[in-house]
C-alpha atoms as a PDB file:
ATOM      1  CA  MET A   1    -101.236-137.636 -32.991  1.00  0.00           C
ATOM      2  CA  LYS A   2    -101.296-139.148 -36.464  1.00  0.00           C
ATOM      3  CA  GLY A   3    -103.887-138.000 -38.928  1.00  0.00           C
ATOM      4  CA  LYS A   4    -104.972-139.718 -42.133  1.00  0.00           C
ATOM      5  CA  CYS A   5    -102.536-141.893 -44.029  1.00  0.00           C
ATOM      6  CA  LEU A   6    -101.474-140.295 -47.328  1.00  0.00           C
ATOM      7  CA  SER A   7    -102.097-143.550 -49.206  1.00  0.00           C
ATOM      8  CA  GLU A   8    -105.797-143.112 -48.357  1.00  0.00           C
ATOM      9  CA  LEU A   9    -105.974-139.580 -49.762  1.00  0.00           C
ATOM     10  CA  PRO A  10    -106.400-138.639 -53.424  1.00  0.00           C
ATOM     11  CA  GLY A  11    -103.501-137.097 -55.327  1.00  0.00           C
ATOM     12  CA  TYR A  12    -100.564-138.884 -53.727  1.00  0.00           C
ATOM     13  CA  GLU A  13     -98.273-141.273 -55.564  1.00  0.00           C
ATOM     14  CA  ARG A  14     -97.542-144.771 -54.264  1.00  0.00           C
ATOM     15  CA  HIS A  15     -94.015-143.707 -53.245  1.00  0.00           C
ATOM     16  CA  ILE A  16     -93.025-140.225 -52.098  1.00  0.00           C
ATOM     17  CA  LEU A  17     -89.640-138.527 -51.772  1.00  0.00           C
ATOM     18  CA  ILE A  18     -89.314-137.131 -48.252  1.00  0.00           C
ATOM     19  CA  TYR A  19     -86.829-134.771 -46.633  1.00  0.00           C
ATOM     20  CA  ARG A  20     -85.789-134.001 -43.074  1.00  0.00           C
ATOM     21  CA  ALA A  21     -83.385-131.431 -41.635  1.00  0.00           C
ATOM     22  CA  VAL A  22     -81.281-133.049 -38.910  1.00  0.00           C
ATOM     23  CA  HIS A  23     -78.118-132.547 -36.895  1.00  0.00           C
ATOM     24  CA  LYS A  24     -74.971-133.700 -38.716  1.00  0.00           C
ATOM     25  CA  ASP A  25     -74.753-136.782 -36.461  1.00  0.00           C
ATOM     26  CA  VAL A  26     -78.146-138.135 -37.585  1.00  0.00           C
ATOM     27  CA  ASN A  27     -78.360-140.216 -40.769  1.00  0.00           C
ATOM     28  CA  LYS A  28     -81.631-142.134 -40.427  1.00  0.00           C
ATOM     29  CA  PHE A  29     -85.374-141.627 -40.522  1.00  0.00           C
ATOM     30  CA  PHE A  30     -87.197-142.954 -37.461  1.00  0.00           C
ATOM     31  CA  PRO A  31     -90.862-143.695 -36.759  1.00  0.00           C
ATOM     32  CA  MET A  32     -92.832-140.541 -35.944  1.00  0.00           C
ATOM     33  CA  ASP A  33     -90.208-138.157 -37.345  1.00  0.00           C
ATOM     34  CA  TYR A  34     -91.594-134.991 -38.834  1.00  0.00           C
ATOM     35  CA  VAL A  35     -90.784-134.937 -42.553  1.00  0.00           C
ATOM     36  CA  THR A  36     -91.620-132.808 -45.565  1.00  0.00           C
ATOM     37  CA  MET A  37     -92.034-133.309 -49.287  1.00  0.00           C
ATOM     38  CA  SER A  38     -90.515-129.864 -49.866  1.00  0.00           C
ATOM     39  CA  ARG A  39     -86.773-129.792 -50.447  1.00  0.00           C
ATOM     40  CA  ARG A  40     -86.830-125.992 -50.052  1.00  0.00           C
ATOM     41  CA  PHE A  41     -88.612-126.229 -46.684  1.00  0.00           C
ATOM     42  CA  ALA A  42     -86.067-128.775 -45.400  1.00  0.00           C
ATOM     43  CA  LYS A  43     -83.085-126.704 -46.605  1.00  0.00           C
ATOM     44  CA  GLY A  44     -84.469-123.585 -44.943  1.00  0.00           C
ATOM     45  CA  HIS A  45     -85.007-125.480 -41.699  1.00  0.00           C
ATOM     46  CA  ALA A  46     -81.440-126.880 -41.799  1.00  0.00           C
ATOM     47  CA  ASP A  47     -79.977-123.414 -42.411  1.00  0.00           C
ATOM     48  CA  HIS A  48     -82.055-121.940 -39.588  1.00  0.00           C
ATOM     49  CA  GLN A  49     -81.156-124.674 -37.073  1.00  0.00           C
ATOM     50  CA  ALA A  50     -77.460-124.474 -38.005  1.00  0.00           C
ATOM     51  CA  ALA A  51     -77.460-120.729 -37.348  1.00  0.00           C
ATOM     52  CA  ILE A  52     -79.475-120.875 -34.122  1.00  0.00           C
ATOM     53  CA  GLU A  53     -77.662-123.831 -32.578  1.00  0.00           C
ATOM     54  CA  GLU A  54     -74.262-123.011 -34.108  1.00  0.00           C
ATOM     55  CA  GLU A  55     -73.983-126.671 -35.109  1.00  0.00           C
ATOM     56  CA  ASP A  56     -73.737-128.282 -38.550  1.00  0.00           C
ATOM     57  CA  TYR A  57     -76.995-129.652 -39.951  1.00  0.00           C
ATOM     58  CA  HIS A  58     -77.878-131.472 -43.130  1.00  0.00           C
ATOM     59  CA  VAL A  59     -80.931-132.589 -45.086  1.00  0.00           C
ATOM     60  CA  LEU A  60     -81.682-136.272 -45.556  1.00  0.00           C
ATOM     61  CA  SER A  61     -83.913-137.676 -48.269  1.00  0.00           C
ATOM     62  CA  SER A  62     -85.466-141.047 -49.012  1.00  0.00           C
ATOM     63  CA  LEU A  63     -88.167-142.527 -51.213  1.00  0.00           C
ATOM     64  CA  VAL A  64     -90.830-144.118 -49.000  1.00  0.00           C
ATOM     65  CA  PRO A  65     -94.263-145.684 -49.492  1.00  0.00           C
ATOM     66  CA  SER A  66     -97.111-143.200 -49.079  1.00  0.00           C
ATOM     67  CA  SER A  67     -98.584-145.741 -46.629  1.00  0.00           C
ATOM     68  CA  SER A  68     -95.845-144.713 -44.150  1.00  0.00           C
ATOM     69  CA  LEU A  69     -96.783-141.008 -44.187  1.00  0.00           C
ATOM     70  CA  TYR A  70     -99.501-139.394 -42.111  1.00  0.00           C
ATOM     71  CA  GLN A  71    -100.979-135.956 -41.713  1.00  0.00           C
ATOM     72  CA  THR A  72     -99.873-133.973 -38.674  1.00  0.00           C
ATOM     73  CA  PRO A  73    -102.350-132.112 -36.441  1.00  0.00           C
ATOM     74  CA  ASN A  74    -101.511-128.919 -38.349  1.00  0.00           C
ATOM     75  CA  ILE A  75    -103.181-130.046 -41.601  1.00  0.00           C
ATOM     76  CA  GLY A  76    -102.184-127.876 -44.524  1.00  0.00           C
ATOM     77  CA  SER A  77     -98.597-127.474 -43.387  1.00  0.00           C
ATOM     78  CA  ASP A  78     -95.571-128.806 -45.254  1.00  0.00           C
ATOM     79  CA  GLU A  79     -94.919-131.374 -42.524  1.00  0.00           C
ATOM     80  CA  PHE A  80     -96.016-134.982 -42.180  1.00  0.00           C
ATOM     81  CA  PHE A  81     -95.254-137.876 -39.834  1.00  0.00           C
ATOM     82  CA  TYR A  82     -93.082-140.695 -41.155  1.00  0.00           C
ATOM     83  CA  ASP A  83     -94.182-143.916 -39.476  1.00  0.00           C
ATOM     84  CA  GLY A  84     -92.278-146.734 -41.138  1.00  0.00           C
ATOM     85  CA  LYS A  85     -89.214-148.801 -40.392  1.00  0.00           C
ATOM     86  CA  VAL A  86     -85.916-147.103 -39.510  1.00  0.00           C
ATOM     87  CA  ILE A  87     -84.199-146.282 -42.803  1.00  0.00           C
ATOM     88  CA  LEU A  88     -80.913-144.719 -43.832  1.00  0.00           C
ATOM     89  CA  GLY A  89     -81.295-141.341 -45.514  1.00  0.00           C
ATOM     90  CA  LYS A  90     -79.200-139.842 -48.289  1.00  0.00           C
ATOM     91  CA  ILE A  91     -77.534-136.509 -47.486  1.00  0.00           C
ATOM     92  CA  ILE A  92     -78.609-134.048 -50.170  1.00  0.00           C
ATOM     93  CA  TYR A  93     -77.601-130.738 -48.552  1.00  0.00           C
ATOM     94  CA  LYS A  94     -75.182-129.583 -45.853  1.00  0.00           C
ATOM     95  CA  ALA A  95     -75.789-126.480 -43.745  1.00  0.00           C
ATOM     96  CA  PRO A  96     -72.653-125.421 -41.873  1.00  0.00           C
ATOM     97  CA  ALA A  97     -73.085-123.561 -38.575  1.00  0.00           C
ATOM     98  CA  GLU A  98     -71.928-120.329 -40.222  1.00  0.00           C
ATOM     99  CA  ALA A  99     -74.580-120.591 -42.970  1.00  0.00           C
ATOM    100  CA  ILE A 100     -76.447-117.463 -41.815  1.00  0.00           C
END
């Protein structure tokens, strides 16, 4: 369930750089994807998933309007919902299956 839109909250810029750890075959952000504003958090998640699933993962990034980001039920976490149009992400980190 979506919480408050980040564009309605104080302290957020008009556009925000988001990250998402995904399987190597994924290259887009989709509505209701969990995303983070923390590059470190996304890299750690990609490394963890690559090790657990023994599959290559990578981290995508994109600059999106804050009006497309919403709080998740676990307010205070590093994760948010992206709820905008489907967009192509830029690969900024690769986590091979043997990363850990």
